[in-house]
Protein backbone atom coordinates (compact mmCIF):
# COMPACT_ATOMS: atom_id res chain seq x y z
CA MET A 1 116.70 168.74 137.84
CA ARG A 2 113.68 167.28 138.11
CA LYS A 3 110.40 168.69 136.98
CA ASN A 4 107.24 168.07 139.29
CA ASN A 5 104.56 167.33 137.00
CA GLN A 6 101.34 168.82 138.40
CA ARG A 7 97.61 167.67 137.41
CA GLY A 8 95.41 170.60 136.66
CA PHE A 9 91.63 170.50 138.39
CA ALA A 10 89.01 169.03 136.39
CA ILE A 11 86.21 171.62 137.01
CA GLY A 12 83.67 170.81 134.12
CA PRO A 13 82.16 167.72 136.24
CA VAL A 14 81.95 169.82 139.28
CA LEU A 15 79.71 172.16 137.48
CA VAL A 16 77.91 168.87 135.96
CA VAL A 17 77.42 167.53 139.44
CA VAL A 18 76.52 170.98 141.58
CA ALA A 19 73.78 171.73 138.21
CA LEU A 20 72.51 168.08 138.91
CA ILE A 21 72.13 168.68 142.39
CA ALA A 22 70.18 172.52 141.77
CA ILE A 23 68.02 170.51 139.76
CA ILE A 24 66.79 167.44 142.24
CA GLY A 25 66.39 170.11 144.67
CA ALA A 26 64.41 172.18 142.74
CA ALA A 27 62.22 169.77 141.36
CA PHE A 28 61.93 168.29 145.19
CA THR A 29 60.56 172.00 146.46
CA ALA A 30 58.00 171.74 143.36
CA SER A 31 57.16 168.16 144.26
CA ASN A 32 56.80 169.00 147.91
CA ARG A 33 54.93 172.27 147.36
CA GLY A 34 52.08 170.79 144.90
CA THR A 35 51.50 167.83 147.51
CA SER A 36 51.51 170.74 150.33
CA ASN A 37 48.96 172.27 147.56
CA GLN A 38 47.18 168.88 147.49
CA ASN A 39 46.58 168.36 150.93
CA ASN A 40 45.33 172.22 151.99
CA ASN A 41 42.75 171.53 148.99
CA SER A 42 41.76 168.39 150.42
CA SER A 43 41.75 169.57 154.16
CA ALA A 44 39.47 172.84 152.94
CA LYS A 45 37.38 170.37 151.35
CA SER A 46 37.35 167.93 154.25
CA TYR A 47 36.14 170.84 156.30
CA ALA A 48 33.74 172.18 154.07
CA GLY A 49 31.72 168.93 154.89
CA LEU A 50 31.78 168.96 157.85
CA VAL A 51 30.60 172.36 158.13
CA MET A 52 27.84 171.17 156.40
CA TYR A 53 27.22 168.20 158.39
CA GLN A 54 26.62 170.19 161.22
CA SER A 55 24.58 172.35 160.22
CA SER A 56 21.84 169.09 159.05
CA HIS A 57 22.64 168.11 162.82
CA LEU A 58 21.31 171.53 164.12
CA LYS A 59 18.10 171.71 161.38
CA HIS A 60 17.62 168.26 161.83
CA GLY A 61 16.38 169.55 165.38
CA PHE A 62 14.34 172.17 164.51
CA GLU A 63 12.20 170.07 162.29
CA ARG A 64 11.86 167.45 164.32
CA TYR A 65 10.06 170.16 167.44
CA LEU A 66 7.94 171.56 164.45
CA GLY A 67 7.18 168.02 163.61
CA ASP A 68 6.54 168.15 167.66
CA GLY A 69 4.08 170.91 166.38
CA ILE A 70 6.21 173.41 168.26
CA SER A 71 6.29 177.04 166.54
CA LEU A 72 9.59 178.01 165.21
CA ALA A 73 9.46 181.67 167.64
CA ASP A 74 9.46 179.59 170.27
CA ILE A 75 12.52 177.23 169.85
CA GLU A 76 15.59 179.38 171.45
CA TRP A 77 19.31 178.60 171.09
CA THR A 78 19.53 177.53 174.50
CA SER A 79 19.42 174.48 176.31
CA SER A 80 16.88 175.43 179.21
CA PRO A 81 14.07 177.28 178.11
CA SER A 82 14.10 180.86 179.48
CA ALA A 83 9.95 180.76 180.04
CA ALA A 84 7.16 178.90 180.24
CA GLY A 85 6.00 177.36 176.82
CA LYS A 86 9.10 178.33 175.22
CA THR A 87 11.71 175.30 173.88
CA ALA A 88 15.01 175.01 173.93
CA LEU A 89 16.71 173.60 170.76
CA PHE A 90 19.71 171.87 173.44
CA ALA A 91 17.35 170.27 175.47
CA PRO A 92 19.30 166.78 177.06
CA PHE A 93 15.74 165.75 176.46
CA PRO A 94 14.03 165.05 174.33
CA GLY A 95 18.24 165.58 172.23
CA TYR A 96 16.98 166.86 169.52
CA ALA A 97 19.62 168.38 168.99
CA VAL A 98 23.35 169.12 170.04
CA MET A 99 25.38 172.28 169.90
CA GLN A 100 28.09 172.09 167.09
CA LYS A 101 31.62 172.75 167.40
CA PRO A 102 33.04 173.90 163.99
CA PRO A 103 36.33 172.76 162.92
CA PRO A 104 38.98 175.58 164.20
CA GLN A 105 41.74 174.44 161.31
CA ALA A 106 39.02 175.82 159.32
CA VAL A 107 36.64 178.21 161.50
CA THR A 108 37.12 180.82 164.12
CA GLY A 109 33.22 181.58 164.63
CA VAL A 110 30.32 179.80 166.40
CA TRP A 111 26.75 178.41 164.79
CA SER A 112 24.52 181.33 165.91
CA ARG A 113 20.76 181.29 164.61
CA GLY A 114 19.87 184.66 163.08
CA GLY A 115 17.46 186.35 160.65
CA LEU A 116 18.21 186.62 156.38
CA SER A 117 17.06 187.05 153.17
CA VAL A 118 17.78 186.01 150.02
CA PRO A 119 16.57 187.00 146.42
CA GLY A 120 14.95 184.27 144.95
CA VAL A 121 14.38 182.75 148.07
CA GLY A 122 10.90 182.03 148.98
CA SER A 123 9.05 185.01 149.13
CA GLY A 124 12.01 187.48 149.51
CA ALA A 125 11.08 187.80 153.15
CA ILE A 126 13.53 187.31 155.80
CA ASN A 127 13.83 183.97 156.75
CA ASP A 128 15.47 182.35 160.09
CA VAL A 129 18.95 180.41 159.45
CA LEU A 130 21.50 178.97 160.57
CA LEU A 131 25.09 181.55 160.21
CA LEU A 132 28.57 180.09 160.91
CA ASN A 133 31.06 183.59 161.29
CA GLY A 134 34.66 182.93 160.87
CA VAL A 135 35.28 180.20 158.25
CA SER A 136 37.90 180.15 155.87
CA ARG A 137 38.32 181.48 152.70
CA ASP A 138 39.46 178.18 151.10
CA ALA A 139 36.62 176.00 153.37
CA CYS A 140 34.01 178.55 151.86
CA ALA A 141 34.78 178.17 148.65
CA TRP A 142 34.69 174.42 149.01
CA ILE A 143 30.88 174.54 150.36
CA ASN A 144 30.00 176.62 147.25
CA ALA A 145 31.89 174.06 145.33
CA SER A 146 30.12 171.01 146.12
CA LEU A 147 26.33 172.85 147.26
CA TYR A 148 26.50 173.74 143.82
CA GLY A 149 29.22 173.46 141.86
CA ALA A 150 31.25 177.06 141.89
CA ASP A 151 34.51 176.93 140.90
CA THR A 152 36.65 176.47 144.42
CA ASN A 153 39.04 179.06 142.86
CA GLN A 154 35.87 181.01 142.95
CA SER A 155 35.93 183.71 145.37
CA PRO A 156 32.66 184.13 148.02
CA VAL A 157 32.42 187.76 147.37
CA SER A 158 31.27 186.80 144.00
CA PHE A 159 28.83 184.08 145.62
CA GLY A 160 27.31 186.79 147.04
CA VAL A 161 27.87 189.77 150.35
CA ILE A 162 26.03 189.64 153.51
CA SER A 163 25.19 193.21 154.32
CA SER A 164 22.76 194.31 157.20
CA SER A 165 20.26 191.00 156.86
CA SER A 166 20.31 190.49 153.20
CA VAL A 167 22.38 188.97 150.92
CA THR A 168 23.04 190.36 147.71
CA PRO A 169 24.37 187.90 145.33
CA GLY A 170 27.68 188.17 143.61
CA ALA A 171 29.12 188.41 140.21
CA ALA A 172 29.69 185.04 139.58
CA SER A 173 27.08 182.95 137.26
CA VAL A 174 27.08 180.57 140.06
CA ASN A 175 25.59 183.23 142.87
CA ALA A 176 23.69 183.52 146.12
CA THR A 177 20.10 183.93 143.54
CA GLY A 178 18.01 181.20 144.72
CA ARG A 179 20.23 179.47 147.19
CA ALA A 180 18.19 178.41 150.30
CA GLU A 181 22.43 178.30 152.07
CA GLY A 182 25.66 178.98 150.80
CA CYS A 183 28.74 180.52 152.16
CA VAL A 184 28.96 184.47 151.46
CA ALA A 185 31.62 187.45 152.08
CA ALA A 186 30.20 189.88 154.95
CA ASN A 187 30.94 193.80 154.54
CA SER A 188 28.38 195.20 157.59
CA ALA A 189 29.56 194.70 161.33
CA PRO A 190 30.03 192.56 163.35
CA LEU A 191 31.06 190.62 160.33
CA ALA A 192 32.69 193.06 158.83
CA SER A 193 35.73 191.85 156.58
CA ASP A 194 34.95 187.58 157.52
CA TYR A 195 33.21 184.62 155.44
CA VAL A 196 29.91 183.09 156.44
CA PHE A 197 27.95 180.37 155.71
CA TYR A 198 24.19 180.71 156.07
CA SER A 199 21.16 177.59 155.82
CA ALA A 200 17.68 178.76 155.72
CA ILE A 201 16.03 176.79 158.81
CA LYS A 202 12.82 177.85 156.93
CA ILE A 203 12.17 179.19 154.37
CA ASN A 204 8.79 182.06 154.39
């Protein structure tokens, strides 16, 4: 009677292949994660730059009207004046400024004009400022990093917090003290739990 020789199944090489596939998969995932983080940082940095550019454009509009001898109190945040003697910032003529649309990928709010006092800025009185609410945490951190060299991992709360019409400087070494512009957190309505960019139009 002939015996059938049965060959055993070599599991060792298979385990090696499975292990190699797992290692390659993990490396690919880590690489993608690193690339994703890099892209997110680059995007946040770009959006921060755009916010600061828009701020510069809006302030330049105010400055041109002030250079024409128009008082800040008579410049309105509109495209047409409300009454005689008033000037609309966004008037088509002479066209000194155009309302800016923030990047929706990093900002949910809109540009506005308000009053804010910041310790160490001017006399400490309330200054006319540009405000942009709804800024993302990453874009906010990049704004402070670009302006003052703050660590991009530093929370905007550590730079400063808006409470009512004043900024309370944060605990970080790079904070809002003496800064005419920056990005801070907000803890009072209607901006509670928000990140806000501010920039002084004219320092009192």
